[in-house]
Protein backbone atom coordinates (compact mmCIF):
# COMPACT_ATOMS: atom_id res chain seq x y z
CA MET A 1 -56.27 -6.20 10.83
CA PRO A 2 -54.90 -2.41 10.07
CA GLY A 3 -51.60 -1.37 10.95
CA LEU A 4 -51.19 1.25 13.68
CA LEU A 5 -48.40 3.52 14.77
CA ILE A 6 -48.18 4.33 18.15
CA ALA A 7 -45.39 7.12 19.26
CA LEU A 8 -44.26 7.39 22.83
CA GLU A 9 -43.06 11.42 23.46
CA GLY A 10 -41.44 13.06 26.17
CA LEU A 11 -38.13 14.38 27.63
CA ASP A 12 -35.26 11.71 27.92
CA GLN A 13 -35.36 9.63 30.67
CA SER A 14 -39.08 9.79 30.85
CA GLY A 15 -39.21 6.00 30.26
CA LYS A 16 -39.97 5.91 26.48
CA GLU A 17 -37.83 2.87 25.83
CA THR A 18 -39.08 1.00 28.93
CA GLN A 19 -42.61 1.83 27.90
CA ALA A 20 -42.19 1.02 23.92
CA GLN A 21 -41.26 -2.59 25.24
CA ALA A 22 -44.16 -3.06 27.57
CA VAL A 23 -46.52 -1.66 24.58
CA ARG A 24 -44.86 -4.33 22.58
CA GLU A 25 -45.74 -7.29 25.09
CA HIS A 26 -49.20 -5.96 25.88
CA LEU A 27 -50.06 -5.81 22.26
CA ARG A 28 -48.55 -9.32 21.35
CA GLN A 29 -50.48 -10.60 24.37
CA ARG A 30 -53.59 -9.27 21.83
CA GLY A 31 -52.35 -10.91 19.07
CA ARG A 32 -50.53 -8.10 17.18
CA LYS A 33 -47.46 -8.39 15.13
CA VAL A 34 -45.34 -5.36 16.51
CA ARG A 35 -42.29 -4.03 15.62
CA LEU A 36 -40.31 -1.31 18.19
CA MET A 37 -38.74 1.66 16.38
CA SER A 38 -36.33 4.54 17.78
CA PHE A 39 -35.61 8.00 16.64
CA PRO A 40 -33.24 9.08 15.64
CA ASP A 41 -32.14 5.89 14.14
CA TYR A 42 -28.32 5.87 14.29
CA GLY A 43 -27.98 2.76 12.11
CA THR A 44 -28.20 5.26 8.82
CA SER A 45 -26.18 7.60 7.22
CA ILE A 46 -28.10 10.64 8.21
CA GLY A 47 -28.19 9.14 12.12
CA GLU A 48 -24.43 8.71 11.99
CA GLU A 49 -24.27 12.66 11.32
CA VAL A 50 -27.33 13.43 13.92
CA ALA A 51 -25.13 11.55 16.37
CA ARG A 52 -22.04 13.51 15.45
CA ALA A 53 -24.09 16.83 16.15
CA LEU A 54 -25.41 15.52 19.50
CA GLN A 55 -22.09 14.94 20.96
CA GLY A 56 -21.02 18.18 19.73
CA GLU A 57 -18.92 16.95 16.81
CA ARG A 58 -20.56 19.17 14.33
CA ASP A 59 -22.06 22.60 15.13
CA TYR A 60 -25.40 23.13 13.22
CA GLY A 61 -27.79 25.37 13.93
CA PRO A 62 -31.24 24.39 15.29
CA ASP A 63 -33.08 24.63 12.06
CA VAL A 64 -30.20 22.30 10.30
CA MET A 65 -30.66 19.86 13.49
CA GLN A 66 -34.31 19.72 13.09
CA LEU A 67 -33.94 19.16 9.19
CA LEU A 68 -31.63 16.24 9.97
CA PHE A 69 -34.16 14.48 12.38
CA ILE A 70 -36.81 14.65 9.84
CA ALA A 71 -34.58 13.77 6.79
CA ASN A 72 -33.90 10.81 9.30
CA ARG A 73 -37.49 9.88 9.26
CA TYR A 74 -37.73 10.10 6.03
CA GLU A 75 -34.88 7.59 5.70
CA ARG A 76 -37.05 4.99 7.01
CA LYS A 77 -40.57 6.15 5.21
CA ALA A 78 -40.76 3.48 3.05
CA ALA A 79 -40.38 0.70 5.72
CA LEU A 80 -42.54 2.53 7.77
CA THR A 81 -45.25 2.43 5.13
CA HIS A 82 -44.59 -1.23 4.32
CA TRP A 83 -45.12 -2.43 7.69
CA LEU A 84 -48.15 -0.39 8.31
CA GLU A 85 -49.64 -1.66 5.04
CA ASN A 86 -49.00 -5.11 6.04
CA GLY A 87 -50.61 -4.72 9.58
CA LEU A 88 -48.14 -4.45 11.93
CA VAL A 89 -48.03 -2.04 14.78
CA LEU A 90 -45.69 0.43 14.92
CA VAL A 91 -44.03 1.50 18.46
CA CYS A 92 -41.71 4.55 17.93
CA ASP A 93 -39.74 5.82 20.68
CA ARG A 94 -40.01 9.08 19.50
CA TYR A 95 -41.48 10.50 16.45
CA ARG A 96 -42.64 13.34 14.45
CA ALA A 97 -44.06 15.50 17.74
CA SER A 98 -39.99 15.77 19.04
CA SER A 99 -38.91 17.88 16.14
CA LEU A 100 -41.80 20.48 16.86
CA ALA A 101 -41.20 20.27 20.41
CA TYR A 102 -37.49 20.79 20.25
CA GLY A 103 -37.86 23.11 17.40
CA GLU A 104 -40.10 25.21 19.08
CA ALA A 105 -38.10 25.09 22.22
CA HIS A 106 -35.29 26.70 20.06
CA GLY A 107 -37.52 29.17 18.42
CA LEU A 108 -38.37 27.62 15.12
CA ASP A 109 -41.81 27.91 13.36
CA PRO A 110 -43.67 24.68 14.94
CA ALA A 111 -46.09 24.84 11.65
CA TRP A 112 -43.20 24.85 9.41
CA LEU A 113 -41.73 21.80 11.41
CA ALA A 114 -45.23 20.10 11.33
CA ASP A 115 -45.89 20.82 7.56
CA ILE A 116 -42.25 19.39 6.19
CA GLN A 117 -43.24 16.03 7.86
CA ARG A 118 -46.95 15.87 6.51
CA PHE A 119 -45.72 13.07 4.25
CA LEU A 120 -44.55 10.99 6.73
CA PRO A 121 -47.23 8.29 8.00
CA GLU A 122 -49.73 9.76 10.82
CA PRO A 123 -49.76 8.50 14.40
CA ASP A 124 -52.47 6.82 15.48
CA LEU A 125 -51.83 7.36 19.08
CA THR A 126 -49.28 9.69 20.42
CA ILE A 127 -48.51 9.13 24.50
CA LEU A 128 -46.78 11.78 26.41
CA LEU A 129 -44.48 10.21 29.24
CA ASP A 130 -44.71 13.74 31.08
CA ILE A 131 -41.71 14.58 33.46
CA SER A 132 -39.99 17.86 35.03
CA PRO A 133 -36.86 18.63 33.56
CA GLN A 134 -35.17 17.96 37.22
CA THR A 135 -36.55 14.47 37.13
CA ALA A 136 -34.70 14.13 33.53
CA LEU A 137 -31.58 15.39 35.13
CA ALA A 138 -31.78 13.46 38.40
CA ARG A 139 -32.26 10.15 36.30
CA LYS A 140 -29.21 11.05 34.21
CA ALA A 141 -26.50 12.49 35.94
CA THR A 142 -23.55 11.62 33.69
CA GLY A 143 -22.99 11.38 29.83
CA ARG A 144 -25.96 13.64 28.81
CA ASP A 145 -25.83 15.14 25.30
CA ARG A 146 -25.99 19.00 24.46
CA TYR A 147 -29.69 19.17 24.75
CA GLU A 148 -30.20 17.17 27.98
CA ARG A 149 -27.91 19.35 30.03
CA ASP A 150 -30.00 22.32 28.96
CA LEU A 151 -32.76 22.43 31.66
CA ASP A 152 -34.43 26.00 30.34
CA LEU A 153 -34.21 24.36 26.87
CA LEU A 154 -36.19 21.21 28.70
CA ALA A 155 -39.00 23.00 29.97
CA ARG A 156 -39.58 24.92 26.76
CA VAL A 157 -39.82 21.82 25.11
CA ARG A 158 -41.87 20.14 27.90
CA GLN A 159 -44.44 23.18 27.61
CA SER A 160 -44.49 22.47 23.41
CA TYR A 161 -45.34 18.98 23.93
CA ARG A 162 -48.18 19.88 26.60
CA ARG A 163 -49.21 22.30 24.01
CA GLN A 164 -49.44 19.71 21.41
CA ALA A 165 -50.73 17.02 23.75
CA ALA A 166 -54.15 19.19 23.50
CA GLN A 167 -54.62 17.78 20.23
CA ALA A 168 -56.96 14.79 19.34
CA GLY A 169 -54.87 11.40 19.39
CA TRP A 170 -52.73 12.51 22.26
CA ALA A 171 -53.03 10.90 25.67
CA VAL A 172 -50.70 12.26 28.76
CA VAL A 173 -49.18 9.89 31.24
CA ASP A 174 -47.69 11.07 34.12
CA GLY A 175 -43.95 9.77 33.88
CA GLU A 176 -42.94 10.63 37.22
CA ARG A 177 -44.42 7.74 38.81
CA PRO A 178 -42.97 4.05 39.25
CA LYS A 179 -42.30 2.53 36.12
CA ALA A 180 -44.91 -0.35 36.92
CA GLU A 181 -47.92 2.45 37.73
CA VAL A 182 -46.65 3.85 34.31
CA THR A 183 -47.09 0.66 32.36
CA GLN A 184 -50.24 0.06 33.53
CA ALA A 185 -51.77 3.84 32.80
CA VAL A 186 -50.01 3.43 29.39
CA THR A 187 -51.59 0.12 28.96
CA THR A 188 -54.93 1.54 30.03
CA VAL A 189 -54.59 4.31 27.17
CA LEU A 190 -53.97 1.80 25.02
CA ASP A 191 -57.12 -0.46 25.40
CA GLU A 192 -59.35 2.62 25.57
CA ARG A 193 -57.96 4.09 22.62
CA LEU A 194 -57.17 1.22 20.34
CA ALA A 195 -60.60 -0.87 21.05
CA PRO A 196 -62.47 -1.84 18.23
CA ARG A 197 -65.52 0.59 17.56
């Protein structure tokens, strides 16, 4: 079977990590080999720099930050391509759309952000776990990074995600509901969208 790339997107605390694990189990039960990925990938040189910037140890402008996030994905491009060519399903906790959402929220050109990522593998399905900035804040009251503390920014990020989700290849799931209900909605999307034609 061909490889698949499934991206889970949304604000922090929208349940991406939890749902990525649920997707992995759901697909494994259907006989697929699945690998979880998370971006930023802090286990790389660029990922370490991203972590420093998010914690306030570095002061980069929005354009440099998005270039770092995107370069971090390119660090893993060879591995992503290899796994997809070998039939794995990759489930990514954040992927290309997050740079458009956060970059656009900072006033960057989304067309530019999309263009510089065009050589990365294309997602087969992107699922937006949609929550409000207030819900994100309530779910994580302490230890928030520089982006997580800015509710106005998060509102603009959400608007960008919703705009992107109008494209083909996207599905929107209400992330405000209990975890089990969100998982049911996500697995229903998977079964509908990824069923053999």
